[in-house]
């Protein structure tokens, strides 16, 4: 196996590890939102900030890029947008 191929595979394995951590943080946040006793806006904001900071610390400690540190925020924003569009569709 060539060195380049070996390096690509190693990078792919490392990326999967990082995405797994991100997925765990996101799923925990989504589960928090879906609790039987719905959290109020302050609780949601606090939980979001805590999880986002956790992801940013992870990115810093693993020397990930600035773009990677923004993924948590982007994923939550996209999910929120998709959910909002389903609940309140605009159209004719």
C-alpha atoms as a PDB file:
ATOM      1  CA  UNK A   1       0.000   0.000   0.000  1.00  0.00           C
ATOM      2  CA  UNK A   2       1.374   3.395  -0.905  1.00  0.00           C
ATOM      3  CA  UNK A   3       2.270   5.959   1.717  1.00  0.00           C
ATOM      4  CA  UNK A   4      -0.292   8.419   0.341  1.00  0.00           C
ATOM      5  CA  UNK A   5      -3.064   5.817   0.537  1.00  0.00           C
ATOM      6  CA  UNK A   6      -2.057   4.863   4.065  1.00  0.00           C
ATOM      7  CA  UNK A   7      -2.114   8.532   5.088  1.00  0.00           C
ATOM      8  CA  UNK A   8      -5.568   9.066   3.536  1.00  0.00           C
ATOM      9  CA  UNK A   9      -6.936   6.065   5.405  1.00  0.00           C
ATOM     10  CA  UNK A  10      -5.440   7.271   8.678  1.00  0.00           C
ATOM     11  CA  UNK A  11      -6.969  10.714   8.162  1.00  0.00           C
ATOM     12  CA  UNK A  12     -10.354   9.165   7.360  1.00  0.00           C
ATOM     13  CA  UNK A  13     -10.255   7.119  10.574  1.00  0.00           C
ATOM     14  CA  UNK A  14      -9.336  10.214  12.562  1.00  0.00           C
ATOM     15  CA  UNK A  15     -12.167  12.217  10.955  1.00  0.00           C
ATOM     16  CA  UNK A  16     -14.659   9.512  11.885  1.00  0.00           C
ATOM     17  CA  UNK A  17     -13.530   9.763  15.501  1.00  0.00           C
ATOM     18  CA  UNK A  18     -14.154  13.525  15.512  1.00  0.00           C
ATOM     19  CA  UNK A  19     -17.551  13.205  13.840  1.00  0.00           C
ATOM     20  CA  UNK A  20     -18.562  10.593  16.402  1.00  0.00           C
ATOM     21  CA  UNK A  21     -17.867  13.067  19.224  1.00  0.00           C
ATOM     22  CA  UNK A  22     -19.818  15.773  17.386  1.00  0.00           C
ATOM     23  CA  UNK A  23     -22.736  13.389  16.827  1.00  0.00           C
ATOM     24  CA  UNK A  24     -22.815  12.474  20.530  1.00  0.00           C
ATOM     25  CA  UNK A  25     -22.965  16.138  21.535  1.00  0.00           C
ATOM     26  CA  UNK A  26     -25.687  16.876  18.975  1.00  0.00           C
ATOM     27  CA  UNK A  27     -27.800  13.869  19.934  1.00  0.00           C
ATOM     28  CA  UNK A  28     -27.543  14.792  23.605  1.00  0.00           C
ATOM     29  CA  UNK A  29     -28.754  18.297  22.795  1.00  0.00           C
ATOM     30  CA  UNK A  30     -31.642  17.028  20.663  1.00  0.00           C
ATOM     31  CA  UNK A  31     -32.652  14.579  23.390  1.00  0.00           C
ATOM     32  CA  UNK A  32     -32.613  17.466  25.857  1.00  0.00           C
ATOM     33  CA  UNK A  33     -34.981  19.404  23.584  1.00  0.00           C
ATOM     34  CA  UNK A  34     -37.363  16.441  23.338  1.00  0.00           C
ATOM     35  CA  UNK A  35     -37.662  15.843  27.089  1.00  0.00           C
ATOM     36  CA  UNK A  36     -41.161  15.136  28.334  1.00  0.00           C
ATOM     37  CA  UNK A  37     -41.067  18.267  30.507  1.00  0.00           C
ATOM     38  CA  UNK A  38     -40.194  20.792  27.820  1.00  0.00           C
ATOM     39  CA  UNK A  39     -37.293  23.044  28.841  1.00  0.00           C
ATOM     40  CA  UNK A  40     -37.830  26.794  28.779  1.00  0.00           C
ATOM     41  CA  UNK A  41     -35.846  29.136  26.556  1.00  0.00           C
ATOM     42  CA  UNK A  42     -33.283  29.873  29.272  1.00  0.00           C
ATOM     43  CA  UNK A  43     -32.596  26.188  29.852  1.00  0.00           C
ATOM     44  CA  UNK A  44     -32.273  25.558  26.109  1.00  0.00           C
ATOM     45  CA  UNK A  45     -29.878  28.470  25.724  1.00  0.00           C
ATOM     46  CA  UNK A  46     -27.771  27.273  28.670  1.00  0.00           C
ATOM     47  CA  UNK A  47     -27.638  23.688  27.360  1.00  0.00           C
ATOM     48  CA  UNK A  48     -26.712  24.897  23.864  1.00  0.00           C
ATOM     49  CA  UNK A  49     -23.897  27.086  25.168  1.00  0.00           C
ATOM     50  CA  UNK A  50     -22.504  24.290  27.356  1.00  0.00           C
ATOM     51  CA  UNK A  51     -22.473  21.757  24.521  1.00  0.00           C
ATOM     52  CA  UNK A  52     -21.092  24.240  22.005  1.00  0.00           C
ATOM     53  CA  UNK A  53     -18.278  25.165  24.399  1.00  0.00           C
ATOM     54  CA  UNK A  54     -17.563  21.466  24.950  1.00  0.00           C
ATOM     55  CA  UNK A  55     -17.230  20.966  21.181  1.00  0.00           C
ATOM     56  CA  UNK A  56     -14.995  24.029  20.842  1.00  0.00           C
ATOM     57  CA  UNK A  57     -12.730  22.771  23.653  1.00  0.00           C
ATOM     58  CA  UNK A  58     -12.549  19.399  21.910  1.00  0.00           C
ATOM     59  CA  UNK A  59     -11.600  21.110  18.644  1.00  0.00           C
ATOM     60  CA  UNK A  60      -8.912  23.152  20.357  1.00  0.00           C
ATOM     61  CA  UNK A  61      -7.435  20.201  22.202  1.00  0.00           C
ATOM     62  CA  UNK A  62      -7.359  18.123  18.993  1.00  0.00           C
ATOM     63  CA  UNK A  63      -6.025  21.014  16.907  1.00  0.00           C
ATOM     64  CA  UNK A  64      -9.001  21.047  14.536  1.00  0.00           C
ATOM     65  CA  UNK A  65      -9.669  23.999  12.264  1.00  0.00           C
ATOM     66  CA  UNK A  66     -11.796  27.037  13.061  1.00  0.00           C
ATOM     67  CA  UNK A  67     -14.362  25.758  10.542  1.00  0.00           C
ATOM     68  CA  UNK A  68     -14.622  22.495  12.453  1.00  0.00           C
ATOM     69  CA  UNK A  69     -15.277  24.375  15.693  1.00  0.00           C
ATOM     70  CA  UNK A  70     -18.323  26.005  14.068  1.00  0.00           C
ATOM     71  CA  UNK A  71     -19.931  22.701  13.030  1.00  0.00           C
ATOM     72  CA  UNK A  72     -21.987  22.256  16.200  1.00  0.00           C
ATOM     73  CA  UNK A  73     -23.609  25.659  15.776  1.00  0.00           C
ATOM     74  CA  UNK A  74     -24.202  25.103  12.044  1.00  0.00           C
ATOM     75  CA  UNK A  75     -25.780  21.679  12.566  1.00  0.00           C
ATOM     76  CA  UNK A  76     -28.154  22.934  15.254  1.00  0.00           C
ATOM     77  CA  UNK A  77     -29.101  25.949  13.129  1.00  0.00           C
ATOM     78  CA  UNK A  78     -29.825  23.736  10.121  1.00  0.00           C
ATOM     79  CA  UNK A  79     -31.886  21.298  12.179  1.00  0.00           C
ATOM     80  CA  UNK A  80     -33.836  24.160  13.700  1.00  0.00           C
ATOM     81  CA  UNK A  81     -34.462  25.640  10.261  1.00  0.00           C
ATOM     82  CA  UNK A  82     -35.641  22.284   8.870  1.00  0.00           C
ATOM     83  CA  UNK A  83     -37.939  21.689  11.817  1.00  0.00           C
ATOM     84  CA  UNK A  84     -39.350  25.205  11.641  1.00  0.00           C
ATOM     85  CA  UNK A  85     -40.002  24.809   7.910  1.00  0.00           C
ATOM     86  CA  UNK A  86     -41.925  21.563   8.550  1.00  0.00           C
ATOM     87  CA  UNK A  87     -44.038  23.079  11.327  1.00  0.00           C
ATOM     88  CA  UNK A  88     -44.794  26.329   9.531  1.00  0.00           C
ATOM     89  CA  UNK A  89     -44.573  25.685   5.786  1.00  0.00           C
ATOM     90  CA  UNK A  90     -44.694  28.684   3.530  1.00  0.00           C
ATOM     91  CA  UNK A  91     -46.272  28.359   0.172  1.00  0.00           C
ATOM     92  CA  UNK A  92     -49.496  28.642  -1.724  1.00  0.00           C
END
